[in-house]
């Protein structure tokens, strides 16, 4: 399971499924499409992400591409955590470093 996905899944199960079995919920299922969350739920997810992971979510980042599935949200968190710590993609620029 990718980093952060387990914590995101646990939050969704506890807060939107009220502890019910989430075995049928894949990491790529649309949370909006399945009716698990609505616009208020998105705001709850934003608050969770900011509080739990210490990252700031900008208004223009609150889009389905970042918040519509467990996998997308976990990827978004990983990206933001890397950007916040000043890290870029681990493979990015490796060819340039080798050439120097």
PDB file of N, CA and C in Angstrom:
ATOM      1  N   UNK A   1       0.857  -1.179   0.000  1.00  0.00           N
ATOM      2  CA  UNK A   1       0.000   0.000   0.000  1.00  0.00           C
ATOM      3  C   UNK A   1       0.899   1.237   0.000  1.00  0.00           C
ATOM      4  N   UNK A   2       0.614   2.187  -0.905  1.00  0.00           N
ATOM      5  CA  UNK A   2       1.440   3.397  -0.972  1.00  0.00           C
ATOM      6  C   UNK A   2       1.435   4.179   0.348  1.00  0.00           C
ATOM      7  N   UNK A   3       2.486   4.988   0.549  1.00  0.00           N
ATOM      8  CA  UNK A   3       2.540   5.793   1.773  1.00  0.00           C
ATOM      9  C   UNK A   3       1.271   6.632   1.939  1.00  0.00           C
ATOM     10  N   UNK A   4       0.834   6.771   3.147  1.00  0.00           N
ATOM     11  CA  UNK A   4      -0.316   7.592   3.541  1.00  0.00           C
ATOM     12  C   UNK A   4      -1.671   6.963   3.222  1.00  0.00           C
ATOM     13  N   UNK A   5      -1.715   5.964   2.362  1.00  0.00           N
ATOM     14  CA  UNK A   5      -3.003   5.400   1.959  1.00  0.00           C
ATOM     15  C   UNK A   5      -3.734   4.744   3.129  1.00  0.00           C
ATOM     16  N   UNK A   6      -3.013   4.060   3.998  1.00  0.00           N
ATOM     17  CA  UNK A   6      -3.657   3.396   5.141  1.00  0.00           C
ATOM     18  C   UNK A   6      -4.292   4.414   6.083  1.00  0.00           C
ATOM     19  N   UNK A   7      -3.614   5.520   6.334  1.00  0.00           N
ATOM     20  CA  UNK A   7      -4.159   6.547   7.229  1.00  0.00           C
ATOM     21  C   UNK A   7      -5.380   7.235   6.613  1.00  0.00           C
ATOM     22  N   UNK A   8      -5.319   7.486   5.317  1.00  0.00           N
ATOM     23  CA  UNK A   8      -6.449   8.098   4.624  1.00  0.00           C
ATOM     24  C   UNK A   8      -7.638   7.145   4.657  1.00  0.00           C
ATOM     25  N   UNK A   9      -7.398   5.867   4.363  1.00  0.00           N
ATOM     26  CA  UNK A   9      -8.463   4.863   4.382  1.00  0.00           C
ATOM     27  C   UNK A   9      -9.091   4.792   5.779  1.00  0.00           C
ATOM     28  N   UNK A  10      -8.269   4.761   6.813  1.00  0.00           N
ATOM     29  CA  UNK A  10      -8.782   4.680   8.177  1.00  0.00           C
ATOM     30  C   UNK A  10      -9.661   5.888   8.501  1.00  0.00           C
ATOM     31  N   UNK A  11      -9.236   7.084   8.117  1.00  0.00           N
ATOM     32  CA  UNK A  11     -10.035   8.290   8.356  1.00  0.00           C
ATOM     33  C   UNK A  11     -11.378   8.191   7.646  1.00  0.00           C
ATOM     34  N   UNK A  12     -11.373   7.744   6.404  1.00  0.00           N
ATOM     35  CA  UNK A  12     -12.620   7.632   5.635  1.00  0.00           C
ATOM     36  C   UNK A  12     -13.550   6.598   6.255  1.00  0.00           C
ATOM     37  N   UNK A  13     -13.008   5.469   6.664  1.00  0.00           N
ATOM     38  CA  UNK A  13     -13.831   4.429   7.291  1.00  0.00           C
ATOM     39  C   UNK A  13     -14.452   4.944   8.582  1.00  0.00           C
ATOM     40  N   UNK A  14     -13.655   5.603   9.401  1.00  0.00           N
ATOM     41  CA  UNK A  14     -14.157   6.080  10.693  1.00  0.00           C
ATOM     42  C   UNK A  14     -15.136   7.249  10.568  1.00  0.00           C
ATOM     43  N   UNK A  15     -14.925   8.115   9.596  1.00  0.00           N
ATOM     44  CA  UNK A  15     -15.711   9.345   9.520  1.00  0.00           C
ATOM     45  C   UNK A  15     -16.835   9.344   8.487  1.00  0.00           C
ATOM     46  N   UNK A  16     -16.724   8.502   7.482  1.00  0.00           N
ATOM     47  CA  UNK A  16     -17.747   8.492   6.437  1.00  0.00           C
ATOM     48  C   UNK A  16     -18.480   7.157   6.339  1.00  0.00           C
ATOM     49  N   UNK A  17     -17.817   6.094   6.712  1.00  0.00           N
ATOM     50  CA  UNK A  17     -18.465   4.776   6.720  1.00  0.00           C
ATOM     51  C   UNK A  17     -18.856   4.385   8.139  1.00  0.00           C
ATOM     52  N   UNK A  18     -18.507   5.222   9.087  1.00  0.00           N
ATOM     53  CA  UNK A  18     -18.826   5.020  10.505  1.00  0.00           C
ATOM     54  C   UNK A  18     -18.405   3.638  11.001  1.00  0.00           C
ATOM     55  N   UNK A  19     -17.196   3.238  10.582  1.00  0.00           N
ATOM     56  CA  UNK A  19     -16.605   2.000  11.057  1.00  0.00           C
ATOM     57  C   UNK A  19     -17.063   0.752  10.332  1.00  0.00           C
ATOM     58  N   UNK A  20     -17.966   0.894   9.354  1.00  0.00           N
ATOM     59  CA  UNK A  20     -18.430  -0.275   8.603  1.00  0.00           C
ATOM     60  C   UNK A  20     -17.290  -0.840   7.769  1.00  0.00           C
ATOM     61  N   UNK A  21     -17.445  -2.085   7.368  1.00  0.00           N
ATOM     62  CA  UNK A  21     -16.437  -2.772   6.581  1.00  0.00           C
ATOM     63  C   UNK A  21     -16.205  -2.048   5.256  1.00  0.00           C
ATOM     64  N   UNK A  22     -14.967  -1.765   4.971  1.00  0.00           N
ATOM     65  CA  UNK A  22     -14.614  -1.066   3.737  1.00  0.00           C
ATOM     66  C   UNK A  22     -13.932  -2.006   2.754  1.00  0.00           C
ATOM     67  N   UNK A  23     -14.136  -3.312   2.919  1.00  0.00           N
ATOM     68  CA  UNK A  23     -13.471  -4.289   2.061  1.00  0.00           C
ATOM     69  C   UNK A  23     -13.800  -4.074   0.586  1.00  0.00           C
ATOM     70  N   UNK A  24     -15.012  -3.588   0.292  1.00  0.00           N
ATOM     71  CA  UNK A  24     -15.404  -3.369  -1.091  1.00  0.00           C
ATOM     72  C   UNK A  24     -14.934  -2.043  -1.661  1.00  0.00           C
ATOM     73  N   UNK A  25     -14.247  -1.251  -0.871  1.00  0.00           N
ATOM     74  CA  UNK A  25     -13.781   0.065  -1.313  1.00  0.00           C
ATOM     75  C   UNK A  25     -12.335  -0.029  -1.781  1.00  0.00           C
ATOM     76  N   UNK A  26     -12.151   0.105  -3.075  1.00  0.00           N
ATOM     77  CA  UNK A  26     -10.799   0.071  -3.633  1.00  0.00           C
ATOM     78  C   UNK A  26     -10.154   1.444  -3.467  1.00  0.00           C
ATOM     79  N   UNK A  27      -8.865   1.488  -3.509  1.00  0.00           N
ATOM     80  CA  UNK A  27      -8.143   2.742  -3.396  1.00  0.00           C
ATOM     81  C   UNK A  27      -8.415   3.693  -4.547  1.00  0.00           C
ATOM     82  N   UNK A  28      -8.931   3.148  -5.652  1.00  0.00           N
ATOM     83  CA  UNK A  28      -9.176   3.963  -6.837  1.00  0.00           C
ATOM     84  C   UNK A  28     -10.651   4.280  -7.048  1.00  0.00           C
ATOM     85  N   UNK A  29     -11.529   3.802  -6.164  1.00  0.00           N
ATOM     86  CA  UNK A  29     -12.956   4.114  -6.272  1.00  0.00           C
ATOM     87  C   UNK A  29     -13.187   5.601  -6.042  1.00  0.00           C
ATOM     88  N   UNK A  30     -14.096   6.162  -6.820  1.00  0.00           N
ATOM     89  CA  UNK A  30     -14.449   7.574  -6.662  1.00  0.00           C
ATOM     90  C   UNK A  30     -15.280   7.753  -5.393  1.00  0.00           C
ATOM     91  N   UNK A  31     -14.772   8.538  -4.464  1.00  0.00           N
ATOM     92  CA  UNK A  31     -15.492   8.798  -3.219  1.00  0.00           C
ATOM     93  C   UNK A  31     -16.755   9.604  -3.485  1.00  0.00           C
ATOM     94  N   UNK A  32     -16.681  10.521  -4.435  1.00  0.00           N
ATOM     95  CA  UNK A  32     -17.847  11.315  -4.815  1.00  0.00           C
ATOM     96  C   UNK A  32     -18.830  10.457  -5.609  1.00  0.00           C
ATOM     97  N   UNK A  33     -18.327   9.711  -6.569  1.00  0.00           N
ATOM     98  CA  UNK A  33     -19.158   8.871  -7.424  1.00  0.00           C
ATOM     99  C   UNK A  33     -19.914   7.798  -6.661  1.00  0.00           C
ATOM    100  N   UNK A  34     -19.308   7.266  -5.612  1.00  0.00           N
ATOM    101  CA  UNK A  34     -19.964   6.247  -4.795  1.00  0.00           C
ATOM    102  C   UNK A  34     -20.871   6.860  -3.733  1.00  0.00           C
ATOM    103  N   UNK A  35     -20.893   8.182  -3.668  1.00  0.00           N
ATOM    104  CA  UNK A  35     -21.746   8.854  -2.697  1.00  0.00           C
ATOM    105  C   UNK A  35     -21.240   8.777  -1.272  1.00  0.00           C
ATOM    106  N   UNK A  36     -19.958   8.489  -1.098  1.00  0.00           N
ATOM    107  CA  UNK A  36     -19.388   8.393   0.252  1.00  0.00           C
ATOM    108  C   UNK A  36     -19.155   9.768   0.869  1.00  0.00           C
ATOM    109  N   UNK A  37     -18.810  10.731   0.025  1.00  0.00           N
ATOM    110  CA  UNK A  37     -18.588  12.088   0.521  1.00  0.00           C
ATOM    111  C   UNK A  37     -19.296  13.085  -0.396  1.00  0.00           C
ATOM    112  N   UNK A  38     -19.560  14.254   0.157  1.00  0.00           N
ATOM    113  CA  UNK A  38     -20.124  15.361  -0.610  1.00  0.00           C
ATOM    114  C   UNK A  38     -19.202  16.558  -0.401  1.00  0.00           C
ATOM    115  N   UNK A  39     -19.675  17.740  -0.715  1.00  0.00           N
ATOM    116  CA  UNK A  39     -18.804  18.915  -0.595  1.00  0.00           C
ATOM    117  C   UNK A  39     -18.365  19.152   0.848  1.00  0.00           C
ATOM    118  N   UNK A  40     -19.245  18.878   1.799  1.00  0.00           N
ATOM    119  CA  UNK A  40     -18.869  19.017   3.208  1.00  0.00           C
ATOM    120  C   UNK A  40     -17.809  17.976   3.576  1.00  0.00           C
ATOM    121  N   UNK A  41     -17.947  16.782   3.030  1.00  0.00           N
ATOM    122  CA  UNK A  41     -16.957  15.729   3.261  1.00  0.00           C
ATOM    123  C   UNK A  41     -15.590  16.099   2.720  1.00  0.00           C
ATOM    124  N   UNK A  42     -15.572  16.779   1.575  1.00  0.00           N
ATOM    125  CA  UNK A  42     -14.300  17.246   1.011  1.00  0.00           C
ATOM    126  C   UNK A  42     -13.628  18.201   1.989  1.00  0.00           C
ATOM    127  N   UNK A  43     -14.414  19.096   2.567  1.00  0.00           N
ATOM    128  CA  UNK A  43     -13.848  20.040   3.542  1.00  0.00           C
ATOM    129  C   UNK A  43     -13.305  19.297   4.766  1.00  0.00           C
ATOM    130  N   UNK A  44     -13.986  18.244   5.182  1.00  0.00           N
ATOM    131  CA  UNK A  44     -13.475  17.429   6.295  1.00  0.00           C
ATOM    132  C   UNK A  44     -12.152  16.774   5.913  1.00  0.00           C
ATOM    133  N   UNK A  45     -12.068  16.270   4.686  1.00  0.00           N
ATOM    134  CA  UNK A  45     -10.814  15.663   4.220  1.00  0.00           C
ATOM    135  C   UNK A  45      -9.687  16.690   4.186  1.00  0.00           C
ATOM    136  N   UNK A  46      -9.987  17.892   3.723  1.00  0.00           N
ATOM    137  CA  UNK A  46      -8.978  18.957   3.686  1.00  0.00           C
ATOM    138  C   UNK A  46      -8.477  19.245   5.099  1.00  0.00           C
ATOM    139  N   UNK A  47      -9.401  19.383   6.053  1.00  0.00           N
ATOM    140  CA  UNK A  47      -9.011  19.626   7.440  1.00  0.00           C
ATOM    141  C   UNK A  47      -8.156  18.504   7.997  1.00  0.00           C
ATOM    142  N   UNK A  48      -8.530  17.264   7.701  1.00  0.00           N
ATOM    143  CA  UNK A  48      -7.758  16.106   8.141  1.00  0.00           C
ATOM    144  C   UNK A  48      -6.342  16.154   7.576  1.00  0.00           C
ATOM    145  N   UNK A  49      -6.234  16.386   6.284  1.00  0.00           N
ATOM    146  CA  UNK A  49      -4.925  16.415   5.630  1.00  0.00           C
ATOM    147  C   UNK A  49      -4.041  17.502   6.241  1.00  0.00           C
ATOM    148  N   UNK A  50      -4.606  18.685   6.427  1.00  0.00           N
ATOM    149  CA  UNK A  50      -3.821  19.793   6.980  1.00  0.00           C
ATOM    150  C   UNK A  50      -3.398  19.520   8.423  1.00  0.00           C
ATOM    151  N   UNK A  51      -4.324  19.023   9.235  1.00  0.00           N
ATOM    152  CA  UNK A  51      -4.011  18.767  10.650  1.00  0.00           C
ATOM    153  C   UNK A  51      -3.080  17.584  10.832  1.00  0.00           C
ATOM    154  N   UNK A  52      -3.375  16.490  10.166  1.00  0.00           N
ATOM    155  CA  UNK A  52      -2.627  15.248  10.380  1.00  0.00           C
ATOM    156  C   UNK A  52      -1.230  15.294   9.762  1.00  0.00           C
ATOM    157  N   UNK A  53      -1.118  15.873   8.577  1.00  0.00           N
ATOM    158  CA  UNK A  53       0.147  15.817   7.852  1.00  0.00           C
ATOM    159  C   UNK A  53       0.903  17.133   7.836  1.00  0.00           C
ATOM    160  N   UNK A  54       0.318  18.167   8.424  1.00  0.00           N
ATOM    161  CA  UNK A  54       1.010  19.445   8.541  1.00  0.00           C
ATOM    162  C   UNK A  54       1.306  20.121   7.219  1.00  0.00           C
ATOM    163  N   UNK A  55       0.405  19.956   6.265  1.00  0.00           N
ATOM    164  CA  UNK A  55       0.596  20.616   4.979  1.00  0.00           C
ATOM    165  C   UNK A  55      -0.559  21.577   4.735  1.00  0.00           C
ATOM    166  N   UNK A  56      -0.310  22.571   3.932  1.00  0.00           N
ATOM    167  CA  UNK A  56      -1.348  23.548   3.596  1.00  0.00           C
ATOM    168  C   UNK A  56      -1.958  23.159   2.253  1.00  0.00           C
ATOM    169  N   UNK A  57      -3.272  23.088   2.224  1.00  0.00           N
ATOM    170  CA  UNK A  57      -3.982  22.790   0.988  1.00  0.00           C
ATOM    171  C   UNK A  57      -4.546  24.112   0.460  1.00  0.00           C
ATOM    172  N   UNK A  58      -4.102  24.494  -0.705  1.00  0.00           N
ATOM    173  CA  UNK A  58      -4.567  25.740  -1.330  1.00  0.00           C
ATOM    174  C   UNK A  58      -5.937  25.502  -1.969  1.00  0.00           C
ATOM    175  N   UNK A  59      -6.704  26.576  -2.103  1.00  0.00           N
ATOM    176  CA  UNK A  59      -8.044  26.467  -2.688  1.00  0.00           C
ATOM    177  C   UNK A  59      -8.018  25.812  -4.065  1.00  0.00           C
ATOM    178  N   UNK A  60      -7.038  26.170  -4.885  1.00  0.00           N
ATOM    179  CA  UNK A  60      -6.993  25.621  -6.244  1.00  0.00           C
ATOM    180  C   UNK A  60      -6.533  24.160  -6.284  1.00  0.00           C
ATOM    181  N   UNK A  61      -6.161  23.603  -5.138  1.00  0.00           N
ATOM    182  CA  UNK A  61      -5.772  22.194  -5.064  1.00  0.00           C
ATOM    183  C   UNK A  61      -6.943  21.295  -4.647  1.00  0.00           C
ATOM    184  N   UNK A  62      -8.056  21.907  -4.283  1.00  0.00           N
ATOM    185  CA  UNK A  62      -9.226  21.133  -3.857  1.00  0.00           C
ATOM    186  C   UNK A  62     -10.031  20.781  -5.100  1.00  0.00           C
ATOM    187  N   UNK A  63      -9.545  19.761  -5.787  1.00  0.00           N
ATOM    188  CA  UNK A  63     -10.142  19.303  -7.037  1.00  0.00           C
ATOM    189  C   UNK A  63     -10.257  17.776  -7.000  1.00  0.00           C
ATOM    190  N   UNK A  64     -11.146  17.207  -7.811  1.00  0.00           N
ATOM    191  CA  UNK A  64     -11.282  15.751  -7.826  1.00  0.00           C
ATOM    192  C   UNK A  64      -9.969  15.023  -8.118  1.00  0.00           C
ATOM    193  N   UNK A  65      -9.108  15.637  -8.903  1.00  0.00           N
ATOM    194  CA  UNK A  65      -7.824  15.009  -9.208  1.00  0.00           C
ATOM    195  C   UNK A  65      -6.965  14.766  -7.980  1.00  0.00           C
ATOM    196  N   UNK A  66      -7.248  15.479  -6.893  1.00  0.00           N
ATOM    197  CA  UNK A  66      -6.493  15.313  -5.644  1.00  0.00           C
ATOM    198  C   UNK A  66      -7.298  14.637  -4.542  1.00  0.00           C
ATOM    199  N   UNK A  67      -8.624  14.748  -4.574  1.00  0.00           N
ATOM    200  CA  UNK A  67      -9.436  14.323  -3.435  1.00  0.00           C
ATOM    201  C   UNK A  67     -10.524  13.297  -3.760  1.00  0.00           C
ATOM    202  N   UNK A  68     -10.589  12.768  -4.970  1.00  0.00           N
ATOM    203  CA  UNK A  68     -11.710  11.910  -5.328  1.00  0.00           C
ATOM    204  C   UNK A  68     -11.522  10.434  -5.016  1.00  0.00           C
ATOM    205  N   UNK A  69     -10.349  10.018  -4.615  1.00  0.00           N
ATOM    206  CA  UNK A  69     -10.144   8.619  -4.233  1.00  0.00           C
ATOM    207  C   UNK A  69      -9.069   8.552  -3.161  1.00  0.00           C
ATOM    208  N   UNK A  70      -9.014   7.434  -2.501  1.00  0.00           N
ATOM    209  CA  UNK A  70      -7.997   7.228  -1.465  1.00  0.00           C
ATOM    210  C   UNK A  70      -6.605   7.315  -2.093  1.00  0.00           C
ATOM    211  N   UNK A  71      -6.436   6.679  -3.240  1.00  0.00           N
ATOM    212  CA  UNK A  71      -5.128   6.673  -3.902  1.00  0.00           C
ATOM    213  C   UNK A  71      -4.714   8.071  -4.338  1.00  0.00           C
ATOM    214  N   UNK A  72      -5.663   8.836  -4.917  1.00  0.00           N
ATOM    215  CA  UNK A  72      -5.337  10.195  -5.358  1.00  0.00           C
ATOM    216  C   UNK A  72      -4.960  11.081  -4.172  1.00  0.00           C
ATOM    217  N   UNK A  73      -5.690  10.937  -3.080  1.00  0.00           N
ATOM    218  CA  UNK A  73      -5.403  11.755  -1.909  1.00  0.00           C
ATOM    219  C   UNK A  73      -4.051  11.382  -1.302  1.00  0.00           C
ATOM    220  N   UNK A  74      -3.743  10.093  -1.247  1.00  0.00           N
ATOM    221  CA  UNK A  74      -2.446   9.653  -0.725  1.00  0.00           C
ATOM    222  C   UNK A  74      -1.303  10.177  -1.601  1.00  0.00           C
ATOM    223  N   UNK A  75      -1.509  10.158  -2.910  1.00  0.00           N
ATOM    224  CA  UNK A  75      -0.492  10.681  -3.832  1.00  0.00           C
ATOM    225  C   UNK A  75      -0.327  12.189  -3.654  1.00  0.00           C
ATOM    226  N   UNK A  76      -1.432  12.892  -3.480  1.00  0.00           N
ATOM    227  CA  UNK A  76      -1.386  14.334  -3.257  1.00  0.00           C
ATOM    228  C   UNK A  76      -0.601  14.650  -1.979  1.00  0.00           C
ATOM    229  N   UNK A  77      -0.877  13.919  -0.904  1.00  0.00           N
ATOM    230  CA  UNK A  77      -0.170  14.131   0.364  1.00  0.00           C
ATOM    231  C   UNK A  77       1.318  13.889   0.175  1.00  0.00           C
ATOM    232  N   UNK A  78       1.654  12.789  -0.497  1.00  0.00           N
ATOM    233  CA  UNK A  78       3.066  12.477  -0.718  1.00  0.00           C
ATOM    234  C   UNK A  78       3.746  13.600  -1.504  1.00  0.00           C
ATOM    235  N   UNK A  79       3.069  14.111  -2.521  1.00  0.00           N
ATOM    236  CA  UNK A  79       3.623  15.207  -3.323  1.00  0.00           C
ATOM    237  C   UNK A  79       3.836  16.460  -2.464  1.00  0.00           C
ATOM    238  N   UNK A  80       2.816  16.818  -1.677  1.00  0.00           N
ATOM    239  CA  UNK A  80       2.905  18.019  -0.843  1.00  0.00           C
ATOM    240  C   UNK A  80       3.974  17.875   0.244  1.00  0.00           C
ATOM    241  N   UNK A  81       4.081  16.705   0.832  1.00  0.00           N
ATOM    242  CA  UNK A  81       5.100  16.481   1.867  1.00  0.00           C
ATOM    243  C   UNK A  81       6.490  16.628   1.262  1.00  0.00           C
ATOM    244  N   UNK A  82       6.674  16.134   0.057  1.00  0.00           N
ATOM    245  CA  UNK A  82       7.958  16.267  -0.620  1.00  0.00           C
ATOM    246  C   UNK A  82       8.264  17.715  -0.942  1.00  0.00           C
ATOM    247  N   UNK A  83       7.246  18.444  -1.409  1.00  0.00           N
ATOM    248  CA  UNK A  83       7.430  19.858  -1.741  1.00  0.00           C
ATOM    249  C   UNK A  83       7.690  20.680  -0.490  1.00  0.00           C
ATOM    250  N   UNK A  84       7.006  20.347   0.613  1.00  0.00           N
ATOM    251  CA  UNK A  84       7.171  21.101   1.859  1.00  0.00           C
ATOM    252  C   UNK A  84       8.559  20.909   2.452  1.00  0.00           C
ATOM    253  N   UNK A  85       9.145  19.730   2.227  1.00  0.00           N
ATOM    254  CA  UNK A  85      10.466  19.477   2.793  1.00  0.00           C
ATOM    255  C   UNK A  85      11.580  19.879   1.826  1.00  0.00           C
ATOM    256  N   UNK A  86      11.179  20.409   0.670  1.00  0.00           N
ATOM    257  CA  UNK A  86      12.175  20.853  -0.295  1.00  0.00           C
ATOM    258  C   UNK A  86      12.688  19.742  -1.173  1.00  0.00           C
ATOM    259  N   UNK A  87      12.087  18.568  -1.052  1.00  0.00           N
ATOM    260  CA  UNK A  87      12.492  17.447  -1.874  1.00  0.00           C
ATOM    261  C   UNK A  87      11.687  17.460  -3.149  1.00  0.00           C
ATOM    262  N   UNK A  88      12.317  17.073  -4.209  1.00  0.00           N
ATOM    263  CA  UNK A  88      11.605  16.916  -5.463  1.00  0.00           C
ATOM    264  C   UNK A  88      11.507  15.430  -5.744  1.00  0.00           C
ATOM    265  N   UNK A  89      11.035  15.096  -6.903  1.00  0.00           N
ATOM    266  CA  UNK A  89      10.958  13.701  -7.304  1.00  0.00           C
ATOM    267  C   UNK A  89      12.348  13.091  -7.174  1.00  0.00           C
ATOM    268  N   UNK A  90      12.481  11.961  -6.448  1.00  0.00           N
ATOM    269  CA  UNK A  90      13.803  11.390  -6.201  1.00  0.00           C
ATOM    270  C   UNK A  90      14.597  11.117  -7.470  1.00  0.00           C
ATOM    271  N   UNK A  91      13.933  10.794  -8.570  1.00  0.00           N
ATOM    272  CA  UNK A  91      14.646  10.502  -9.801  1.00  0.00           C
ATOM    273  C   UNK A  91      14.889  11.729 -10.651  1.00  0.00           C
ATOM    274  N   UNK A  92      14.212  12.802 -10.347  1.00  0.00           N
ATOM    275  CA  UNK A  92      14.326  14.002 -11.173  1.00  0.00           C
ATOM    276  C   UNK A  92      15.722  14.598 -11.060  1.00  0.00           C
ATOM    277  N   UNK A  93      16.299  14.891 -12.193  1.00  0.00           N
ATOM    278  CA  UNK A  93      17.603  15.536 -12.210  1.00  0.00           C
ATOM    279  C   UNK A  93      18.772  14.610 -11.946  1.00  0.00           C
ATOM    280  N   UNK A  94      18.516  13.310 -11.798  1.00  0.00           N
ATOM    281  CA  UNK A  94      19.622  12.401 -11.484  1.00  0.00           C
ATOM    282  C   UNK A  94      20.625  12.354 -12.624  1.00  0.00           C
ATOM    283  N   UNK A  95      20.158  12.476 -13.877  1.00  0.00           N
ATOM    284  CA  UNK A  95      21.078  12.474 -14.995  1.00  0.00           C
ATOM    285  C   UNK A  95      21.996  13.683 -14.947  1.00  0.00           C
ATOM    286  N   UNK A  96      21.474  14.826 -14.531  1.00  0.00           N
ATOM    287  CA  UNK A  96      22.294  16.035 -14.457  1.00  0.00           C
ATOM    288  C   UNK A  96      23.350  15.911 -13.383  1.00  0.00           C
ATOM    289  N   UNK A  97      23.020  15.327 -12.246  1.00  0.00           N
ATOM    290  CA  UNK A  97      24.008  15.159 -11.182  1.00  0.00           C
ATOM    291  C   UNK A  97      25.120  14.221 -11.615  1.00  0.00           C
ATOM    292  N   UNK A  98      24.755  13.196 -12.365  1.00  0.00           N
ATOM    293  CA  UNK A  98      25.765  12.241 -12.806  1.00  0.00           C
ATOM    294  C   UNK A  98      26.715  12.872 -13.819  1.00  0.00           C
ATOM    295  N   UNK A  99      26.217  13.832 -14.591  1.00  0.00           N
ATOM    296  CA  UNK A  99      27.033  14.466 -15.613  1.00  0.00           C
ATOM    297  C   UNK A  99      27.992  15.491 -15.021  1.00  0.00           C
ATOM    298  N   UNK A 100      27.678  16.021 -13.863  1.00  0.00           N
ATOM    299  CA  UNK A 100      28.485  17.087 -13.260  1.00  0.00           C
ATOM    300  C   UNK A 100      29.789  16.563 -12.715  1.00  0.00           C
TER     301      UNK A 100
END
